[in-house]
Amino acid sequence: MAQCLNTYCLHWQDNDAMFCDQCGCPFYIDERLVATRLLSQKGLFSTERSQTAEAFDVDTQQTVILRVVDSEDPLYVDPLLHAVRALQKIHSGKKVPGIMQLVDGDSYFTYPIRPDEPAAHFMVARKVEGISLTEWIQKNGAISEELAKNWLKQLLNAVDALHHEGYLHRDIKPDNIIVTDDLQLVLVDFDTIFCLSDSYWKTPRIGTGAYMAPEQSSGNPLPTSDLYSIGRTIIEALTGKFPLELARYPNECVVWDREAPRLSKPFTELIDRLANKNLLFRPPAASVALTYLSEVEAIPARKRYWRWLSAPIMTTAAAIFAVSLTIAAVGSFALSQQVQSDSERLIAEGNQLILQGDTREGLLLLEEAVELAPDSEEVRAKLAIAYAFIRDFESAIENYKIALEVEPKNAQYLYEIANVYEEVNLQESIFYYMEAVENSEADSSIQLESLNNLARVYLLTDQLQKAEEVLSRIDTHIEDPITRMTVFKNLGWLNYERANYDIAIEQLNQALEADATFPDPYCLLALIQQHRGEDNYNDRATCVFLNAPPKPEVTAWREELNRVAD
């Protein structure tokens, strides 16, 4: 049996001839490989110029997978070369079981299929015994949560290794995953491999629509794009349904049978997060997703609440503004103990309009509320919050100052105006945080947050001694995980600046134990590893790709990491 690889022929014949009966081209490629059957002629790079075939290696007496590109066009040749380099690099040390492997020896070569024509390009890979995940699902139906966790872990480990070497797969889907007899998964088909060190903004639209993340569809692939594809693949395995058969919720999550008794809520929430079209909701790296998965697997024993499943955390100031606006929007804001006044109603309606994006009409209602209650510092403070929310910091500060004329020792107002001043004047921010500390109750949340933010501003302005003095006033036995994270992050930052790396690492790890959804600790850990000449890929990738509102220190840390990486 032999398969002709002349792309103008592709004749198959059932005999042991040396040459094709139709075109006369040789069946023996490189004098050692005989293609026995075509496996695929579909997909972006499986065209009239490229095929994948099963072949027999007469030297090793083994069946292999032969990828051939019968062209000199870089559009077809480059993906093959990228795949060869990537697979060689990935498996150069310890073999990665979840990723296809090239054969030992001549895994890439050129050979003229047709006489007097340019040589074709060949890649030779080991054959993975099994069937595609698509076929497996069609044969066996939806899988259990236990198997889904096992498969998710396998895929994340494979992708983590791929990303660690600086590559994206860009076409993870059931068709490109082989299931072996012992239920191990192997990623195959690396035609769409992409090197992150290349300039990837606005690359060609490559991938498969039903499994492709929106940013990849727009030509901006990221490591989280592969995680999206994994999430969609696991949903298909859990439901037995092709992704396009499933509808979507308005929050961009796929509608699937997540409420089935056989599935636990924490696990389905993790899958929802992986498969969310909004990349802000996805884990920033495969290594982080693996951590989340291990935490989900440990839930029966620890029964903890999973904060990381919530939406991305905003900056402290933005969180105050958004929460305050939301509270007002549902009418819980009260000027007094009496029935809700017209002023309160206007504030609630105005804030609702602002939340919906109608800023102009919302502010008109808030200004009308001020006219009805011109002497109310509470109305002024709420108006200030609204202005800060739309980033009109000058108007926000003006209204906070009016409120503070009435209540100059109101710790909440002092804390909030300090938050606003962080955006425009750090020295004024320091002054108001100090005032908030002075006028708040001892050990109150306002005092704790004010001290912590004050330390951060001192760190931003290179006043390390003052930052240390402020941090020394904070009791680190803190229940709130986000506050605990920021306190230990600031402590780690302080010791990083002083090159006390061992202490900094310990504190930054404590920050991550409290809450692992912020980029700050990862950035600092990556910088420490960089200074020590250690491998910092995992922490660097998490720092760079973890989505969070921009902060000046994080921007600076990312730029420093990228300069060295370049």
Protein backbone atom coordinates (compact mmCIF):
# COMPACT_ATOMS: atom_id res chain seq x y z
CA MET A 1 0.00 0.00 0.00
CA ALA A 2 1.37 3.40 -0.91
CA GLN A 3 0.11 6.98 -1.02
CA CYS A 4 1.51 9.34 -3.62
CA LEU A 5 2.49 12.70 -2.07
CA ASN A 6 2.67 14.60 -5.33
CA THR A 7 0.10 17.29 -4.58
CA TYR A 8 -1.02 17.23 -8.21
CA CYS A 9 -1.75 13.51 -8.00
CA LEU A 10 -2.37 12.06 -4.51
CA HIS A 11 -3.09 8.66 -6.02
CA TRP A 12 -3.28 5.68 -3.67
CA GLN A 13 -2.53 2.16 -4.84
CA ASP A 14 -2.64 -1.21 -3.13
CA ASN A 15 0.70 -2.72 -4.10
CA ASP A 16 4.38 -2.57 -3.22
CA ALA A 17 5.49 -0.57 -6.26
CA MET A 18 8.39 1.86 -6.01
CA PHE A 19 6.69 4.53 -8.12
CA CYS A 20 3.19 5.91 -8.58
CA ASP A 21 1.25 4.33 -11.46
CA GLN A 22 -0.41 7.68 -12.25
CA CYS A 23 2.41 10.27 -12.16
CA GLY A 24 5.60 8.24 -11.82
CA CYS A 25 6.74 10.01 -8.64
CA PRO A 26 8.64 7.92 -6.09
CA PHE A 27 6.81 6.40 -3.15
CA TYR A 28 9.98 6.16 -1.07
CA ILE A 29 10.65 9.60 0.46
CA ASP A 30 14.23 10.21 1.52
CA GLU A 31 14.80 6.55 0.63
CA ARG A 32 13.18 5.45 3.89
CA LEU A 33 9.58 6.66 4.28
CA VAL A 34 6.52 5.34 2.49
CA ALA A 35 3.26 7.19 2.98
CA THR A 36 0.39 4.72 3.46
CA ARG A 37 -2.68 6.99 3.78
CA LEU A 38 -3.66 10.62 3.97
CA LEU A 39 -4.93 11.75 7.34
CA SER A 40 -6.12 15.24 6.59
CA GLN A 41 -6.63 17.67 3.76
CA LYS A 42 -8.58 20.27 5.72
CA GLY A 43 -7.66 23.31 7.73
CA LEU A 44 -5.79 26.48 6.97
CA PHE A 45 -2.49 24.82 6.10
CA SER A 46 -3.91 21.55 4.74
CA THR A 47 -4.36 22.83 1.22
CA GLU A 48 -3.36 21.65 -2.20
CA ARG A 49 0.21 22.37 -1.10
CA SER A 50 0.30 20.56 2.25
CA GLN A 51 -0.92 17.27 3.63
CA THR A 52 -0.58 15.05 6.64
CA ALA A 53 -0.09 11.34 6.06
CA GLU A 54 0.60 8.19 7.98
CA ALA A 55 3.86 6.62 6.82
CA PHE A 56 6.04 3.62 7.40
CA ASP A 57 9.72 4.10 8.26
CA VAL A 58 11.59 1.18 6.73
CA ASP A 59 14.70 1.93 8.82
CA THR A 60 13.02 1.82 12.23
CA GLN A 61 10.10 -0.41 11.17
CA GLN A 62 7.72 2.04 12.85
CA THR A 63 4.64 3.91 11.75
CA VAL A 64 5.14 7.69 11.85
CA ILE A 65 3.24 10.83 10.95
CA LEU A 66 4.54 12.68 7.93
CA ARG A 67 3.76 16.35 7.35
CA VAL A 68 4.61 17.54 3.85
CA VAL A 69 4.59 21.03 2.34
CA ASP A 70 5.07 20.88 -1.42
CA SER A 71 5.79 24.56 -1.94
CA GLU A 72 8.40 27.26 -1.50
CA ASP A 73 5.82 29.84 -0.47
CA PRO A 74 6.60 31.09 3.09
CA LEU A 75 2.85 31.08 3.78
CA TYR A 76 3.03 27.27 3.77
CA VAL A 77 6.67 26.60 4.66
CA ASP A 78 7.07 28.92 7.67
CA PRO A 79 4.38 27.24 9.82
CA LEU A 80 6.09 23.89 9.29
CA LEU A 81 9.49 25.31 10.25
CA HIS A 82 7.99 27.02 13.31
CA ALA A 83 6.40 23.73 14.38
CA VAL A 84 9.70 21.86 14.01
CA ARG A 85 11.66 24.44 16.01
CA ALA A 86 9.00 24.63 18.71
CA LEU A 87 8.70 20.87 19.16
CA GLN A 88 12.47 20.45 19.24
CA LYS A 89 12.78 23.16 21.89
CA ILE A 90 9.89 21.90 24.02
CA HIS A 91 11.23 18.36 24.17
CA SER A 92 14.94 19.32 24.33
CA GLY A 93 15.06 18.47 28.04
CA LYS A 94 12.42 16.42 29.77
CA LYS A 95 9.78 15.10 27.38
CA VAL A 96 6.32 16.65 27.74
CA PRO A 97 3.82 13.77 27.53
CA GLY A 98 0.89 15.96 26.48
CA ILE A 99 2.55 17.31 23.33
CA MET A 100 3.32 15.42 20.13
CA GLN A 101 6.99 14.53 19.60
CA LEU A 102 9.23 14.45 16.59
CA VAL A 103 11.12 11.28 15.73
CA ASP A 104 14.72 10.99 16.78
CA GLY A 105 17.19 11.87 14.07
CA ASP A 106 16.06 13.46 10.82
CA SER A 107 12.73 14.90 11.88
CA TYR A 108 12.95 17.67 9.27
CA PHE A 109 14.35 17.44 5.76
CA THR A 110 13.70 18.45 2.15
CA TYR A 111 13.24 16.02 -0.69
CA PRO A 112 12.16 16.46 -4.35
CA ILE A 113 8.90 14.64 -4.93
CA ARG A 114 8.78 15.54 -8.62
CA PRO A 115 11.93 15.51 -10.81
CA ASP A 116 13.24 18.92 -11.82
CA GLU A 117 10.96 20.67 -9.29
CA PRO A 118 11.89 22.40 -6.00
CA ALA A 119 12.19 20.05 -3.07
CA ALA A 120 9.25 19.64 -0.72
CA HIS A 121 9.56 20.16 3.06
CA PHE A 122 8.93 17.26 5.44
CA MET A 123 8.40 16.93 9.20
CA VAL A 124 8.39 13.47 10.77
CA ALA A 125 6.60 12.96 14.09
CA ARG A 126 5.96 9.97 16.29
CA LYS A 127 2.54 8.47 15.85
CA VAL A 128 0.26 8.77 18.88
CA GLU A 129 -1.88 5.66 19.15
CA GLY A 130 -5.48 6.61 19.77
CA ILE A 131 -8.39 8.57 18.34
CA SER A 132 -9.21 12.26 18.24
CA LEU A 133 -11.15 13.72 21.13
CA THR A 134 -13.92 14.52 18.66
CA GLU A 135 -14.24 10.84 17.78
CA TRP A 136 -13.98 9.84 21.43
CA ILE A 137 -16.87 12.13 22.44
CA GLN A 138 -18.99 10.87 19.55
CA LYS A 139 -18.34 7.31 20.66
CA ASN A 140 -18.59 7.70 24.46
CA GLY A 141 -20.68 10.82 25.08
CA ALA A 142 -20.31 13.41 27.86
CA ILE A 143 -17.57 12.82 30.43
CA SER A 144 -17.65 12.93 34.23
CA GLU A 145 -16.28 15.76 36.34
CA GLU A 146 -13.50 13.51 37.61
CA LEU A 147 -12.31 12.78 34.07
CA ALA A 148 -12.78 16.44 33.08
CA LYS A 149 -10.50 17.55 35.93
CA ASN A 150 -7.92 14.99 34.87
CA TRP A 151 -8.06 16.09 31.24
CA LEU A 152 -8.05 19.77 32.13
CA LYS A 153 -4.91 19.25 34.20
CA GLN A 154 -3.24 17.39 31.32
CA LEU A 155 -4.06 20.13 28.82
CA LEU A 156 -2.99 22.93 31.17
CA ASN A 157 0.33 21.19 31.87
CA ALA A 158 0.95 20.76 28.15
CA VAL A 159 0.11 24.39 27.39
CA ASP A 160 2.14 25.60 30.36
CA ALA A 161 5.20 23.85 28.91
CA LEU A 162 4.43 25.31 25.49
CA HIS A 163 4.02 28.84 26.85
CA HIS A 164 7.12 28.48 29.01
CA GLU A 165 9.17 28.07 25.84
CA GLY A 166 7.53 31.17 24.36
CA TYR A 167 4.96 29.60 22.01
CA LEU A 168 1.18 29.64 21.58
CA HIS A 169 -0.70 26.76 19.97
CA ARG A 170 -3.62 28.86 18.66
CA ASP A 171 -5.77 25.96 17.52
CA ILE A 172 -6.61 23.80 20.54
CA LYS A 173 -9.80 21.87 19.83
CA PRO A 174 -11.01 18.25 20.03
CA ASP A 175 -9.85 17.53 16.47
CA ASN A 176 -6.29 18.42 17.48
CA ILE A 177 -6.22 16.30 20.63
CA ILE A 178 -5.53 12.56 20.59
CA VAL A 179 -7.01 10.35 23.32
CA THR A 180 -4.88 7.28 23.99
CA ASP A 181 -6.19 3.94 25.21
CA ASP A 182 -5.27 4.84 28.80
CA LEU A 183 -7.17 8.19 28.52
CA GLN A 184 -4.11 10.39 28.18
CA LEU A 185 -4.42 13.49 26.00
CA VAL A 186 -1.81 14.60 23.47
CA LEU A 187 -1.87 17.91 21.61
CA VAL A 188 -1.14 17.52 17.91
CA ASP A 189 -1.23 19.65 14.75
CA PHE A 190 1.20 22.49 15.41
CA ASP A 191 0.71 24.24 12.06
CA THR A 192 -0.65 27.29 13.85
CA ILE A 193 2.22 27.52 16.37
CA PHE A 194 3.20 31.09 17.16
CA CYS A 195 6.30 32.50 18.82
CA LEU A 196 5.58 35.14 21.46
CA SER A 197 8.93 36.81 20.84
CA ASP A 198 7.69 37.77 17.39
CA SER A 199 5.67 40.95 16.95
CA TYR A 200 2.24 39.40 17.29
CA TRP A 201 -0.03 42.42 17.22
CA LYS A 202 -2.31 42.13 14.23
CA THR A 203 -1.19 38.71 13.09
CA PRO A 204 -3.34 36.91 10.51
CA ARG A 205 -6.62 35.53 11.86
CA ILE A 206 -5.62 31.92 12.57
CA GLY A 207 -7.55 29.28 14.47
CA THR A 208 -10.98 27.64 14.51
CA GLY A 209 -13.89 29.99 15.08
CA ALA A 210 -15.87 27.95 17.60
CA TYR A 211 -12.81 27.62 19.87
CA MET A 212 -11.05 30.90 19.11
CA ALA A 213 -10.87 33.73 21.66
CA PRO A 214 -12.09 37.14 20.46
CA GLU A 215 -8.69 38.80 20.83
CA GLN A 216 -7.11 36.03 18.72
CA SER A 217 -9.83 36.47 16.12
CA SER A 218 -8.83 40.15 15.99
CA GLY A 219 -5.20 39.22 15.35
CA ASN A 220 -3.97 39.73 18.93
CA PRO A 221 -3.28 36.25 20.35
CA LEU A 222 -2.25 35.94 24.01
CA PRO A 223 -1.47 33.01 26.30
CA THR A 224 -5.00 33.35 27.69
CA SER A 225 -6.29 32.69 24.16
CA ASP A 226 -5.10 29.08 24.45
CA LEU A 227 -6.83 28.86 27.84
CA TYR A 228 -10.08 30.00 26.22
CA SER A 229 -9.77 27.19 23.66
CA ILE A 230 -9.15 24.68 26.46
CA GLY A 231 -12.24 25.91 28.30
CA ARG A 232 -14.42 25.53 25.21
CA THR A 233 -12.96 22.06 24.60
CA ILE A 234 -13.71 20.89 28.16
CA ILE A 235 -17.28 22.22 27.89
CA GLU A 236 -17.73 20.17 24.73
CA ALA A 237 -16.42 17.09 26.55
CA LEU A 238 -18.72 17.72 29.55
CA THR A 239 -21.81 18.27 27.41
CA GLY A 240 -21.12 16.22 24.29
CA LYS A 241 -22.22 19.26 22.27
CA PHE A 242 -20.35 21.29 19.67
CA PRO A 243 -19.74 24.86 20.98
CA LEU A 244 -21.93 26.55 18.38
CA GLU A 245 -24.90 24.49 19.61
CA LEU A 246 -24.67 26.34 22.93
CA ALA A 247 -26.07 29.81 23.54
CA ARG A 248 -24.47 32.58 25.63
CA TYR A 249 -25.44 34.54 28.66
CA PRO A 250 -25.19 38.34 28.45
CA ASN A 251 -22.11 38.13 30.72
CA GLU A 252 -20.29 36.27 27.92
CA CYS A 253 -20.42 32.87 29.60
CA VAL A 254 -21.58 29.87 27.60
CA VAL A 255 -24.98 28.39 28.50
CA TRP A 256 -24.39 24.74 29.29
CA ASP A 257 -25.57 22.11 31.76
CA ARG A 258 -23.49 23.51 34.63
CA GLU A 259 -26.26 22.80 37.15
CA ALA A 260 -26.19 19.06 36.56
CA PRO A 261 -25.98 17.10 39.85
CA ARG A 262 -22.85 15.38 38.60
CA LEU A 263 -20.95 18.68 38.42
CA SER A 264 -19.73 20.84 41.31
CA LYS A 265 -20.22 24.59 41.21
CA PRO A 266 -16.55 25.54 41.86
CA PHE A 267 -15.41 23.40 38.94
CA THR A 268 -18.02 24.72 36.52
CA GLU A 269 -17.19 28.28 37.61
CA LEU A 270 -13.54 27.63 36.77
CA ILE A 271 -14.51 26.32 33.33
CA ASP A 272 -16.75 29.37 32.82
CA ARG A 273 -13.82 31.58 33.65
CA LEU A 274 -11.52 29.83 31.18
CA ALA A 275 -14.15 30.03 28.43
CA ASN A 276 -15.24 33.63 29.04
CA LYS A 277 -15.00 35.81 25.94
CA ASN A 278 -13.80 38.68 28.12
CA LEU A 279 -10.09 38.00 28.69
CA LEU A 280 -10.21 40.03 31.94
CA PHE A 281 -12.05 37.12 33.56
CA ARG A 282 -9.67 34.36 32.49
CA PRO A 283 -6.67 33.16 34.50
CA PRO A 284 -3.61 35.04 33.25
CA ALA A 285 -1.48 31.94 32.65
CA ALA A 286 -1.75 28.17 32.51
CA SER A 287 0.27 27.88 35.72
CA VAL A 288 -2.28 30.07 37.52
CA ALA A 289 -5.16 28.02 36.11
CA LEU A 290 -3.45 24.89 37.44
CA THR A 291 -3.29 26.49 40.88
CA TYR A 292 -6.99 27.28 40.68
CA LEU A 293 -7.73 23.71 39.64
CA SER A 294 -5.75 22.31 42.56
CA GLU A 295 -7.75 24.56 44.89
CA VAL A 296 -11.02 23.35 43.38
CA GLU A 297 -9.90 19.75 43.88
CA ALA A 298 -9.16 20.52 47.54
CA ILE A 299 -12.55 22.12 48.27
CA PRO A 300 -14.20 19.07 49.91
CA ALA A 301 -11.43 19.06 52.51
CA ARG A 302 -11.08 22.79 53.09
CA LYS A 303 -14.51 24.20 52.12
CA ARG A 304 -13.14 27.65 51.51
CA TYR A 305 -14.79 30.46 49.57
CA TRP A 306 -13.18 31.11 46.22
CA ARG A 307 -12.62 34.85 45.87
CA TRP A 308 -10.67 34.36 42.65
CA LEU A 309 -13.86 33.43 40.79
CA SER A 310 -15.17 36.97 41.06
CA ALA A 311 -14.64 39.67 38.46
CA PRO A 312 -11.22 41.32 38.19
CA ILE A 313 -10.45 43.51 41.19
CA MET A 314 -10.30 47.25 40.61
CA THR A 315 -7.92 49.68 42.26
CA THR A 316 -8.85 50.70 45.79
CA ALA A 317 -10.17 54.07 44.69
CA ALA A 318 -12.18 52.71 41.76
CA ALA A 319 -13.65 49.99 43.99
CA ILE A 320 -14.87 52.59 46.48
CA PHE A 321 -16.45 54.65 43.71
CA ALA A 322 -18.11 51.68 41.99
CA VAL A 323 -19.43 50.17 45.21
CA SER A 324 -20.72 53.53 46.41
CA LEU A 325 -22.44 54.18 43.10
CA THR A 326 -24.01 50.75 43.08
CA ILE A 327 -25.31 51.16 46.62
CA ALA A 328 -26.79 54.52 45.75
CA ALA A 329 -28.32 53.13 42.58
CA VAL A 330 -30.51 50.73 44.53
CA GLY A 331 -31.60 53.47 46.93
CA SER A 332 -29.73 52.42 50.05
CA PHE A 333 -28.08 55.82 50.48
CA ALA A 334 -29.82 57.86 53.18
CA LEU A 335 -29.40 61.49 54.17
CA SER A 336 -31.26 60.91 57.40
CA GLN A 337 -33.34 58.33 59.18
CA GLN A 338 -36.51 59.63 57.51
CA VAL A 339 -38.23 58.35 54.41
CA GLN A 340 -36.17 58.75 51.24
CA SER A 341 -36.22 62.39 50.15
CA ASP A 342 -36.37 63.84 46.66
CA SER A 343 -32.65 64.51 46.92
CA GLU A 344 -31.94 60.85 47.66
CA ARG A 345 -34.13 59.77 44.75
CA LEU A 346 -32.25 62.07 42.38
CA ILE A 347 -28.92 60.71 43.59
CA ALA A 348 -30.06 57.13 43.08
CA GLU A 349 -31.41 57.87 39.60
CA GLY A 350 -28.36 59.94 38.63
CA ASN A 351 -25.91 57.27 39.74
CA GLN A 352 -27.89 54.63 37.87
CA LEU A 353 -27.59 56.69 34.67
CA ILE A 354 -23.85 57.08 35.22
CA LEU A 355 -23.45 53.33 35.70
CA GLN A 356 -25.33 52.81 32.42
CA GLY A 357 -22.99 55.20 30.62
CA ASP A 358 -25.27 58.25 30.41
CA THR A 359 -22.86 60.52 32.27
CA ARG A 360 -24.31 63.87 31.21
CA GLU A 361 -27.88 63.16 32.30
CA GLY A 362 -26.67 61.43 35.47
CA LEU A 363 -24.61 64.43 36.56
CA LEU A 364 -27.52 66.80 35.86
CA LEU A 365 -29.65 64.82 38.33
CA LEU A 366 -26.87 64.83 40.91
CA GLU A 367 -26.41 68.58 40.59
CA GLU A 368 -30.17 68.97 41.04
CA ALA A 369 -29.91 66.90 44.22
CA VAL A 370 -27.27 69.34 45.50
CA GLU A 371 -29.60 72.26 44.81
CA LEU A 372 -32.32 70.58 46.89
CA ALA A 373 -29.92 69.91 49.79
CA PRO A 374 -27.14 72.52 49.48
CA ASP A 375 -26.00 72.10 53.08
CA SER A 376 -25.72 68.32 53.03
CA GLU A 377 -22.14 67.10 53.14
CA GLU A 378 -23.45 63.59 52.30
CA VAL A 379 -24.86 64.79 48.99
CA ARG A 380 -21.58 66.53 48.20
CA ALA A 381 -19.62 63.38 49.02
CA LYS A 382 -21.85 61.30 46.76
CA LEU A 383 -21.47 63.82 43.97
CA ALA A 384 -17.69 63.67 44.50
CA ILE A 385 -17.78 59.89 44.15
CA ALA A 386 -19.64 60.20 40.87
CA TYR A 387 -17.10 62.70 39.50
CA ALA A 388 -14.22 60.48 40.56
CA PHE A 389 -15.91 57.51 38.88
CA ILE A 390 -15.90 59.35 35.54
CA ARG A 391 -12.33 60.56 36.25
CA ASP A 392 -13.19 64.23 36.64
CA PHE A 393 -10.81 64.46 39.57
CA GLU A 394 -10.86 68.25 39.85
CA SER A 395 -14.63 68.33 40.39
CA ALA A 396 -14.41 65.36 42.77
CA ILE A 397 -11.83 67.11 44.93
CA GLU A 398 -13.85 70.33 44.92
CA ASN A 399 -16.94 68.54 46.24
CA TYR A 400 -15.00 66.56 48.84
CA LYS A 401 -13.55 69.80 50.16
CA ILE A 402 -17.02 71.29 50.48
CA ALA A 403 -18.11 68.21 52.42
CA LEU A 404 -15.02 68.48 54.63
CA GLU A 405 -15.82 72.10 55.43
CA VAL A 406 -18.93 70.76 57.17
CA GLU A 407 -17.26 67.69 58.68
CA PRO A 408 -13.49 68.31 58.72
CA LYS A 409 -12.76 65.21 60.80
CA ASN A 410 -14.81 62.72 58.77
CA ALA A 411 -12.31 59.89 58.29
CA GLN A 412 -14.25 58.37 55.39
CA TYR A 413 -14.23 61.62 53.41
CA LEU A 414 -10.55 62.15 54.20
CA TYR A 415 -9.73 58.63 53.03
CA GLU A 416 -11.72 59.02 49.80
CA ILE A 417 -10.23 62.41 48.86
CA ALA A 418 -6.78 60.91 49.47
CA ASN A 419 -7.71 58.18 46.98
CA VAL A 420 -8.57 60.83 44.40
CA TYR A 421 -5.40 62.77 45.05
CA GLU A 422 -3.39 59.62 44.26
CA GLU A 423 -4.39 60.29 40.64
CA VAL A 424 -3.22 63.91 40.53
CA ASN A 425 -0.96 64.87 43.45
CA LEU A 426 0.82 62.33 45.62
CA GLN A 427 1.94 64.87 48.22
CA GLU A 428 -1.66 65.96 48.83
CA SER A 429 -2.61 62.30 48.97
CA ILE A 430 -0.06 61.78 51.77
CA PHE A 431 -1.50 64.72 53.71
CA TYR A 432 -5.08 63.43 53.55
CA TYR A 433 -4.14 59.81 54.35
CA MET A 434 -2.35 61.11 57.45
CA GLU A 435 -5.47 63.10 58.36
CA ALA A 436 -7.64 60.00 57.84
CA VAL A 437 -5.35 57.98 60.14
CA GLU A 438 -5.43 60.72 62.77
CA ASN A 439 -9.22 61.03 62.74
CA SER A 440 -10.23 57.37 62.44
CA GLU A 441 -10.88 54.99 65.29
CA ALA A 442 -7.96 52.85 66.38
CA ASP A 443 -7.80 49.50 64.55
CA SER A 444 -10.75 50.45 62.33
CA SER A 445 -10.83 49.41 58.67
CA ILE A 446 -10.47 53.07 57.61
CA GLN A 447 -7.33 53.44 59.70
CA LEU A 448 -5.89 50.17 58.36
CA GLU A 449 -6.59 51.06 54.73
CA SER A 450 -5.28 54.59 55.20
CA LEU A 451 -2.02 53.35 56.74
CA ASN A 452 -1.58 50.75 54.02
CA ASN A 453 -2.25 53.23 51.20
CA LEU A 454 0.01 55.79 52.85
CA ALA A 455 2.83 53.24 52.89
CA ARG A 456 2.26 52.55 49.19
CA VAL A 457 2.49 56.26 48.33
CA TYR A 458 5.71 56.55 50.34
CA LEU A 459 7.08 53.59 48.35
CA LEU A 460 6.02 55.25 45.10
CA THR A 461 7.92 58.39 46.10
CA ASP A 462 11.03 56.47 47.28
CA GLN A 463 10.52 57.41 50.94
CA LEU A 464 11.46 53.97 52.20
CA GLN A 465 12.10 54.88 55.83
CA LYS A 466 8.70 56.52 56.15
CA ALA A 467 7.07 53.53 54.44
CA GLU A 468 8.72 51.22 56.97
CA GLU A 469 7.52 53.37 59.89
CA VAL A 470 3.93 53.29 58.61
CA LEU A 471 3.94 49.55 57.87
CA SER A 472 5.30 48.86 61.36
CA ARG A 473 2.03 50.26 62.74
CA ILE A 474 -0.07 47.63 60.94
CA ASP A 475 -1.02 44.40 62.67
CA THR A 476 -0.61 41.77 59.93
CA HIS A 477 -3.26 39.48 61.45
CA ILE A 478 -5.83 40.71 58.93
CA GLU A 479 -8.98 38.79 58.02
CA ASP A 480 -9.87 40.49 54.74
CA PRO A 481 -7.79 38.65 52.08
CA ILE A 482 -7.38 41.61 49.71
CA THR A 483 -6.19 43.94 52.46
CA ARG A 484 -3.90 41.23 53.79
CA MET A 485 -2.51 40.73 50.29
CA THR A 486 -1.78 44.45 49.79
CA VAL A 487 -0.10 44.78 53.20
CA PHE A 488 2.26 41.88 52.54
CA LYS A 489 2.83 43.10 48.99
CA ASN A 490 3.89 46.49 50.36
CA LEU A 491 6.18 44.80 52.87
CA GLY A 492 7.68 42.69 50.08
CA TRP A 493 8.05 45.79 47.89
CA LEU A 494 9.91 47.59 50.69
CA ASN A 495 12.33 44.72 51.14
CA TYR A 496 12.76 44.33 47.38
CA GLU A 497 13.85 47.98 47.16
CA ARG A 498 16.35 47.32 49.95
CA ALA A 499 17.58 44.13 48.23
CA ASN A 500 16.46 41.99 51.19
CA TYR A 501 15.34 39.37 48.69
CA ASP A 502 14.82 36.38 50.97
CA ILE A 503 12.55 38.37 53.28
CA ALA A 504 10.77 39.92 50.30
CA ILE A 505 10.07 36.50 48.76
CA GLU A 506 8.57 35.24 52.01
CA GLN A 507 6.30 38.29 52.27
CA LEU A 508 5.25 38.19 48.62
CA ASN A 509 4.35 34.53 48.94
CA GLN A 510 2.21 35.44 51.94
CA ALA A 511 0.54 38.05 49.75
CA LEU A 512 -0.26 35.40 47.13
CA GLU A 513 -1.59 33.03 49.77
CA ALA A 514 -4.06 35.75 50.77
CA ASP A 515 -5.17 36.61 47.22
CA ALA A 516 -3.55 35.53 43.95
CA THR A 517 -5.56 37.71 41.56
CA PHE A 518 -3.30 40.79 41.51
CA PRO A 519 -0.19 41.14 39.32
CA ASP A 520 1.87 43.10 41.87
CA PRO A 521 3.41 40.19 43.88
CA TYR A 522 4.15 38.21 40.70
CA CYS A 523 5.97 41.22 39.20
CA LEU A 524 8.15 41.67 42.27
CA LEU A 525 8.93 37.95 42.48
CA ALA A 526 9.87 37.95 38.78
CA LEU A 527 12.17 40.94 39.32
CA ILE A 528 13.88 39.23 42.26
CA GLN A 529 14.40 36.08 40.19
CA GLN A 530 15.74 38.25 37.38
CA HIS A 531 18.24 39.95 39.68
CA ARG A 532 19.37 36.52 40.86
CA GLY A 533 19.72 35.14 37.34
CA GLU A 534 16.96 32.58 37.91
CA ASP A 535 14.24 31.36 35.56
CA ASN A 536 11.36 33.79 36.07
CA TYR A 537 9.06 32.76 33.23
CA ASN A 538 6.00 31.78 35.28
CA ASP A 539 5.96 34.85 37.50
CA ARG A 540 6.94 37.16 34.63
CA ALA A 541 4.17 35.84 32.39
CA THR A 542 1.62 36.18 35.18
CA CYS A 543 2.83 39.72 35.92
CA VAL A 544 2.56 40.75 32.28
CA PHE A 545 -0.68 39.05 31.35
CA LEU A 546 -2.71 39.22 34.57
CA ASN A 547 -5.40 41.76 33.82
CA ALA A 548 -5.89 44.52 36.36
CA PRO A 549 -6.39 48.28 36.26
CA PRO A 550 -3.06 49.98 35.58
CA LYS A 551 -0.99 51.21 38.50
CA PRO A 552 2.21 53.18 37.95
CA GLU A 553 4.42 50.77 39.88
CA VAL A 554 3.09 47.72 38.03
CA THR A 555 3.58 49.48 34.69
CA ALA A 556 7.17 50.27 35.64
CA TRP A 557 7.85 46.70 36.80
CA ARG A 558 6.43 45.26 33.58
CA GLU A 559 8.55 47.60 31.48
CA GLU A 560 11.67 46.56 33.38
CA LEU A 561 10.87 42.87 32.86
CA ASN A 562 10.15 43.40 29.17
CA ARG A 563 13.40 45.33 28.63
CA VAL A 564 15.44 42.42 29.92
CA ALA A 565 13.31 39.87 28.02
CA ASP A 566 13.92 41.76 24.78
